Amino acid sequence: MTFSTTPDSQHRGLVARLPRRVRGLALLARFDRPIGWWLLFWPGAWAVALAGGAIERWDLIALLLVGSIAMRGAGCVYNDIVDRDLDARVARTAARPIPSGLVSVRGAWTWLVALSLVGLVVLLQLRPPAALVAVASLAPVACYPFMKRITWWPQAWLGIVFSWAALVGWVEVAGGFSLAVAAVYLGSVAWVIGYDTIYAVQDIDDDALIGVRSSARALGGRVRPGVGAFYALAVAAWGVAIWRVRPDPLALLALLPVAAHLGWQAATLRPADGANALDRFRSNRSAGLLMFLACLVVGTA
C-alpha cells in the first residue's frame, strides 16, 4: 500500500519571510508547527485545573506554556541532531533544516543550548518539589530519539515524555502526588500513543524501507481500532481522575465532549490518506482544550 505524505518543513507563512539563517532555526524548533507545543502543554494545564489552581495559579499555566514552547523546540532540535541521517532517507523529513543543509550540526547544538536556557528560567520559577519532578524528565527525553531503533512502540515512550507536565503542574499546585494525577498521567500516555500512531502512518512506507519501528507498523491493518482502543483507555483513566477529585456521576459528564471528539477521530481516520491522518492528528489541539475545560469545571466546582 502506498501512503501519501506531507513534508513537515514547508517554509510557509511568517517563517518563510524570515532571513535564511533565522528561518532555519525557526524550522528546526518547529515554530512553524505549533501543534507540538500545544500537545506538550495541555497535560500540565489539565493537572493545574483539576487540582483547583486554574484561576489562582494562572501564572503557572502561562509558565507551562512558555516552557512547553521552549522545551518542545529543544526536544525537536535534539531529535533532529540524533536522527539527521534517518531524516535524510524519509520523504516527509528530508527537507528538515539539518539534512537539507539549512542549519549546521554545530549551529543546531548552539540553538539547543539557547532554548534550554529559556526552559531553565521557567524551571527556576517553580517550587523545589515541582522543579525536581521537571528535572527528572530529562532522562526519558534524552532517550526518546533512540526508542524507534529498539522498540516497536516508541509512541509509548513519547507518551511518557509528553505527559510529564501533568506531574509538574499537579505537584506545584497540590504539593505532592495522588491517585488522581497518576490517572491523568496514564490517560495522557494513552492519548499520546493514539495521536502519535495517527502521525506515524504518514511515514509507514519509508519506515519499513529503512527499518524504523513504530506503533503504526506494529498495528498494521488494525491502526484505526488500535487508535480507538488507546483513546478509550485515555478517557477511562481520565474518568478515574475526575472521580477521585469529585466522586459524582454528574462530574463524569464533563468528559463527554472530549470523548466524542476522540471517537470522531478514530471513526473517520483513513490511515492510507496522509492528509486525513495529519488533519486528525492536528485536531488533538482541540481535544486538549476540551479536556482542559472538563478539568476546569470539575476542579473549580
Protein backbone atom coordinates (compact mmCIF):
# COMPACT_ATOMS: atom_id res chain seq x y z
CA MET A 1 0.00 0.00 0.00
CA THR A 2 1.29 3.49 -0.88
CA PHE A 3 0.80 6.21 1.73
CA SER A 4 0.65 9.87 0.73
CA THR A 5 2.76 12.17 2.89
CA THR A 6 3.00 15.87 3.67
CA PRO A 7 6.53 17.24 4.23
CA ASP A 8 6.90 18.69 7.72
CA SER A 9 9.15 21.58 6.63
CA GLN A 10 7.20 23.55 4.06
CA HIS A 11 8.58 27.08 4.64
CA ARG A 12 5.15 28.73 4.67
CA GLY A 13 3.60 31.74 6.42
CA LEU A 14 5.62 34.12 8.60
CA VAL A 15 8.52 31.67 8.86
CA ALA A 16 9.00 31.82 5.08
CA ARG A 17 9.65 35.60 5.32
CA LEU A 18 12.46 35.29 7.85
CA PRO A 19 16.13 35.61 6.82
CA ARG A 20 17.54 32.27 5.72
CA ARG A 21 19.58 31.51 8.84
CA VAL A 22 16.84 32.60 11.24
CA ARG A 23 14.29 30.66 9.21
CA GLY A 24 16.39 27.54 9.57
CA LEU A 25 16.47 27.88 13.35
CA ALA A 26 12.71 28.51 13.50
CA LEU A 27 12.04 25.44 11.39
CA LEU A 28 14.44 23.37 13.48
CA ALA A 29 12.46 24.24 16.63
CA ARG A 30 9.17 23.67 14.72
CA PHE A 31 7.94 27.20 15.42
CA ASP A 32 6.02 26.87 12.17
CA ARG A 33 4.14 23.89 13.66
CA PRO A 34 2.63 24.97 16.99
CA ILE A 35 0.62 21.75 17.37
CA GLY A 36 3.64 20.14 19.05
CA TRP A 37 3.91 22.58 21.92
CA TRP A 38 0.14 22.59 22.39
CA LEU A 39 0.25 18.83 22.85
CA LEU A 40 3.13 19.14 25.32
CA PHE A 41 1.36 21.93 27.22
CA TRP A 42 -2.14 20.52 27.65
CA PRO A 43 -1.42 17.76 30.22
CA GLY A 44 0.16 20.31 32.54
CA ALA A 45 -2.80 22.66 32.16
CA TRP A 46 -5.19 19.76 32.88
CA ALA A 47 -3.41 18.92 36.11
CA VAL A 48 -3.37 22.52 37.31
CA ALA A 49 -7.10 22.89 36.54
CA LEU A 50 -8.13 19.57 38.08
CA ALA A 51 -6.12 20.36 41.23
CA GLY A 52 -8.18 23.54 41.56
CA GLY A 53 -5.48 26.02 40.59
CA ALA A 54 -6.64 27.23 37.17
CA ILE A 55 -7.76 30.66 38.42
CA GLU A 56 -5.43 31.30 41.34
CA ARG A 57 -2.39 29.90 39.51
CA TRP A 58 -2.99 31.31 36.04
CA ASP A 59 0.64 32.39 36.14
CA LEU A 60 1.68 28.74 36.43
CA ILE A 61 -0.36 27.87 33.35
CA ALA A 62 1.39 30.70 31.50
CA LEU A 63 4.79 29.42 32.65
CA LEU A 64 3.92 25.92 31.49
CA LEU A 65 3.00 27.32 28.09
CA VAL A 66 6.31 29.19 27.74
CA GLY A 67 8.20 26.16 28.97
CA SER A 68 6.36 23.91 26.52
CA ILE A 69 7.25 26.13 23.57
CA ALA A 70 10.92 26.29 24.56
CA MET A 71 11.37 22.66 25.56
CA ARG A 72 9.39 21.26 22.65
CA GLY A 73 11.69 23.30 20.43
CA ALA A 74 14.75 22.00 22.28
CA GLY A 75 13.45 18.45 22.01
CA CYS A 76 12.93 18.81 18.27
CA VAL A 77 16.45 20.18 17.82
CA TYR A 78 17.94 17.31 19.82
CA ASN A 79 15.82 14.77 17.95
CA ASP A 80 16.92 16.19 14.59
CA ILE A 81 20.59 16.10 15.58
CA VAL A 82 20.31 12.44 16.55
CA ASP A 83 18.10 11.49 13.59
CA ARG A 84 19.80 13.55 10.88
CA ASP A 85 20.89 10.50 8.87
CA LEU A 86 17.49 8.81 9.12
CA ASP A 87 15.68 12.05 8.27
CA ALA A 88 17.63 12.36 5.03
CA ARG A 89 16.15 9.00 3.92
CA VAL A 90 12.48 9.72 4.70
CA ALA A 91 10.38 11.74 2.24
CA ARG A 92 8.49 13.71 4.90
CA THR A 93 11.64 14.72 6.83
CA ALA A 94 14.27 15.11 4.10
CA ALA A 95 13.61 18.87 3.93
CA ARG A 96 14.30 19.41 7.63
CA PRO A 97 16.99 22.05 8.30
CA ILE A 98 19.88 19.72 9.15
CA PRO A 99 19.59 17.12 6.35
CA SER A 100 18.79 19.87 3.84
CA GLY A 101 21.88 21.86 4.88
CA LEU A 102 19.94 24.91 6.09
CA VAL A 103 21.43 24.57 9.60
CA SER A 104 24.77 23.00 10.54
CA VAL A 105 25.08 20.47 13.33
CA ARG A 106 27.18 22.93 15.35
CA GLY A 107 24.54 25.62 14.87
CA ALA A 108 21.87 23.17 15.98
CA TRP A 109 23.75 22.42 19.22
CA THR A 110 24.08 26.16 19.94
CA TRP A 111 20.36 26.65 19.34
CA LEU A 112 19.60 23.70 21.62
CA VAL A 113 21.53 25.35 24.46
CA ALA A 114 19.72 28.67 23.95
CA LEU A 115 16.27 27.04 24.07
CA SER A 116 17.28 25.01 27.12
CA LEU A 117 18.24 28.21 28.93
CA VAL A 118 14.71 29.51 28.41
CA GLY A 119 13.45 26.27 29.93
CA LEU A 120 15.83 26.77 32.86
CA VAL A 121 14.36 30.21 33.55
CA VAL A 122 10.89 28.63 33.71
CA LEU A 123 12.20 25.85 35.94
CA LEU A 124 13.59 28.36 38.45
CA GLN A 125 10.09 29.80 38.95
CA LEU A 126 8.81 26.50 40.36
CA ARG A 127 8.86 25.35 43.97
CA PRO A 128 11.63 22.81 44.69
CA PRO A 129 9.39 19.65 44.63
CA ALA A 130 7.92 20.54 41.24
CA ALA A 131 11.32 21.62 39.93
CA LEU A 132 12.77 18.22 40.88
CA VAL A 133 9.94 16.48 39.06
CA ALA A 134 10.64 18.61 35.99
CA VAL A 135 14.38 17.84 36.08
CA ALA A 136 13.59 14.11 36.29
CA SER A 137 12.05 14.35 32.81
CA LEU A 138 15.46 14.95 31.22
CA ALA A 139 16.43 11.26 31.24
CA PRO A 140 13.38 9.98 29.29
CA VAL A 141 13.61 12.99 26.96
CA ALA A 142 17.25 12.16 26.17
CA CYS A 143 16.37 8.52 25.47
CA TYR A 144 13.36 9.16 23.23
CA PRO A 145 15.12 9.59 19.83
CA PHE A 146 16.66 6.12 20.20
CA MET A 147 13.42 4.29 21.00
CA LYS A 148 12.39 3.88 17.36
CA ARG A 149 15.54 1.81 16.89
CA ILE A 150 14.90 -0.62 19.77
CA THR A 151 11.13 -0.94 20.24
CA TRP A 152 8.03 -1.22 18.10
CA TRP A 153 6.31 1.22 20.45
CA PRO A 154 8.35 4.46 20.55
CA GLN A 155 4.97 6.21 20.78
CA ALA A 156 4.63 4.82 24.31
CA TRP A 157 7.93 6.44 25.28
CA LEU A 158 6.77 9.69 23.71
CA GLY A 159 3.68 9.39 25.90
CA ILE A 160 5.89 9.18 28.98
CA VAL A 161 7.71 12.35 27.89
CA PHE A 162 4.81 14.41 26.55
CA SER A 163 2.64 13.73 29.62
CA TRP A 164 5.28 14.78 32.15
CA ALA A 165 3.93 18.32 32.55
CA ALA A 166 0.89 16.82 34.31
CA LEU A 167 3.14 15.64 37.14
CA VAL A 168 4.89 19.01 37.34
CA GLY A 169 1.67 21.03 37.35
CA TRP A 170 -0.05 18.86 39.95
CA VAL A 171 2.90 18.83 42.36
CA GLU A 172 3.29 22.59 42.04
CA VAL A 173 -0.36 23.17 42.99
CA ALA A 174 -1.13 20.26 45.34
CA GLY A 175 2.31 19.78 46.86
CA GLY A 176 2.57 16.05 46.17
CA PHE A 177 1.36 13.09 44.14
CA SER A 178 -2.02 11.37 44.31
CA LEU A 179 -4.04 8.70 42.53
CA ALA A 180 -5.84 11.46 40.64
CA VAL A 181 -2.70 12.79 38.95
CA ALA A 182 -1.48 9.23 38.29
CA ALA A 183 -4.73 8.64 36.39
CA VAL A 184 -4.38 11.93 34.49
CA TYR A 185 -0.82 10.96 33.56
CA LEU A 186 -1.65 7.42 32.44
CA GLY A 187 -4.61 8.68 30.45
CA SER A 188 -2.36 11.21 28.77
CA VAL A 189 0.15 8.49 27.88
CA ALA A 190 -2.63 6.51 26.18
CA TRP A 191 -3.80 9.67 24.40
CA VAL A 192 -0.30 10.36 23.10
CA ILE A 193 0.08 6.79 21.84
CA GLY A 194 -3.19 7.20 19.98
CA TYR A 195 -2.46 10.51 18.30
CA ASP A 196 1.19 9.74 17.55
CA THR A 197 0.15 6.47 15.94
CA ILE A 198 -2.03 8.58 13.64
CA TYR A 199 1.01 10.77 12.93
CA ALA A 200 3.22 7.75 12.30
CA VAL A 201 1.07 6.36 9.48
CA GLN A 202 2.47 9.13 7.26
CA ASP A 203 5.93 7.51 7.40
CA ILE A 204 4.92 3.87 7.34
CA ASP A 205 6.34 3.08 3.88
CA ASP A 206 9.67 4.87 4.45
CA ASP A 207 9.95 3.43 7.96
CA ALA A 208 9.54 -0.07 6.58
CA LEU A 209 12.26 0.52 3.99
CA ILE A 210 14.86 1.83 6.45
CA GLY A 211 13.90 -0.39 9.39
CA VAL A 212 12.45 2.25 11.74
CA ARG A 213 9.85 0.85 14.12
CA SER A 214 6.55 2.45 15.12
CA SER A 215 3.17 1.61 16.59
CA ALA A 216 1.62 2.22 13.17
CA ARG A 217 3.78 -0.55 11.69
CA ALA A 218 3.13 -2.80 14.69
CA LEU A 219 -0.64 -2.42 14.34
CA GLY A 220 -0.57 -2.93 10.57
CA GLY A 221 -4.12 -3.07 9.24
CA ARG A 222 -5.53 -2.53 12.73
CA VAL A 223 -4.45 1.10 13.09
CA ARG A 224 -7.94 2.55 13.37
CA PRO A 225 -9.26 0.13 16.03
CA GLY A 226 -5.90 0.39 17.79
CA VAL A 227 -6.15 4.17 17.97
CA GLY A 228 -9.74 3.83 19.17
CA ALA A 229 -8.66 1.44 21.93
CA PHE A 230 -5.94 3.78 23.20
CA TYR A 231 -8.35 6.70 23.16
CA ALA A 232 -10.86 4.62 25.13
CA LEU A 233 -8.16 3.84 27.71
CA ALA A 234 -7.37 7.55 27.94
CA VAL A 235 -10.97 8.51 28.62
CA ALA A 236 -11.36 5.71 31.17
CA ALA A 237 -8.25 6.85 33.06
CA TRP A 238 -9.40 10.46 33.00
CA GLY A 239 -12.73 9.29 34.40
CA VAL A 240 -10.87 7.76 37.35
CA ALA A 241 -9.01 11.04 37.88
CA ILE A 242 -12.20 13.07 37.89
CA TRP A 243 -13.90 10.59 40.22
CA ARG A 244 -11.02 10.87 42.69
CA VAL A 245 -11.41 14.65 42.75
CA ARG A 246 -15.21 14.75 42.67
CA PRO A 247 -16.98 11.38 43.21
CA ASP A 248 -20.20 12.41 41.49
CA PRO A 249 -21.62 10.74 38.35
CA LEU A 250 -22.52 14.19 37.02
CA ALA A 251 -18.85 15.18 37.11
CA LEU A 252 -18.06 12.42 34.61
CA LEU A 253 -20.36 14.12 32.09
CA ALA A 254 -17.66 16.76 31.69
CA LEU A 255 -15.69 14.15 29.71
CA LEU A 256 -18.39 13.65 27.07
CA PRO A 257 -17.14 16.38 24.66
CA VAL A 258 -13.53 15.13 24.62
CA ALA A 259 -14.69 11.51 24.41
CA ALA A 260 -16.91 12.34 21.43
CA HIS A 261 -14.08 14.20 19.72
CA LEU A 262 -11.62 11.33 20.14
CA GLY A 263 -14.28 8.89 18.94
CA TRP A 264 -14.74 11.02 15.83
CA GLN A 265 -11.01 10.95 15.16
CA ALA A 266 -10.83 7.16 15.33
CA ALA A 267 -14.03 6.62 13.34
CA THR A 268 -13.08 8.94 10.48
CA LEU A 269 -9.36 8.12 10.29
CA ARG A 270 -8.19 6.89 6.88
CA PRO A 271 -4.67 5.57 7.52
CA ALA A 272 -3.72 5.45 3.85
CA ASP A 273 -4.58 9.12 3.36
CA GLY A 274 -1.74 11.26 4.69
CA ALA A 275 -3.77 14.48 4.60
CA ASN A 276 -6.60 12.85 6.55
CA ALA A 277 -4.17 11.47 9.14
CA LEU A 278 -2.42 14.83 9.54
CA ASP A 279 -5.75 16.59 9.99
CA ARG A 280 -6.87 14.11 12.67
CA PHE A 281 -3.52 14.43 14.40
CA ARG A 282 -3.68 18.22 14.46
CA SER A 283 -7.24 18.15 15.79
CA ASN A 284 -5.83 16.95 19.10
CA ARG A 285 -5.20 20.58 19.94
CA SER A 286 -8.99 20.83 20.22
CA ALA A 287 -9.14 17.56 22.16
CA GLY A 288 -6.66 19.02 24.65
CA LEU A 289 -8.80 22.14 25.05
CA LEU A 290 -11.94 20.06 25.65
CA MET A 291 -10.14 18.05 28.32
CA PHE A 292 -8.91 21.28 29.93
CA LEU A 293 -12.45 22.59 30.10
CA ALA A 294 -13.58 19.34 31.73
CA CYS A 295 -10.82 19.67 34.35
CA LEU A 296 -11.64 23.34 34.86
CA VAL A 297 -15.32 22.60 35.52
CA VAL A 298 -14.57 19.75 37.93
CA GLY A 299 -11.60 21.39 39.66
CA THR A 300 -13.36 24.69 40.35
CA ALA A 301 -16.83 23.29 41.19
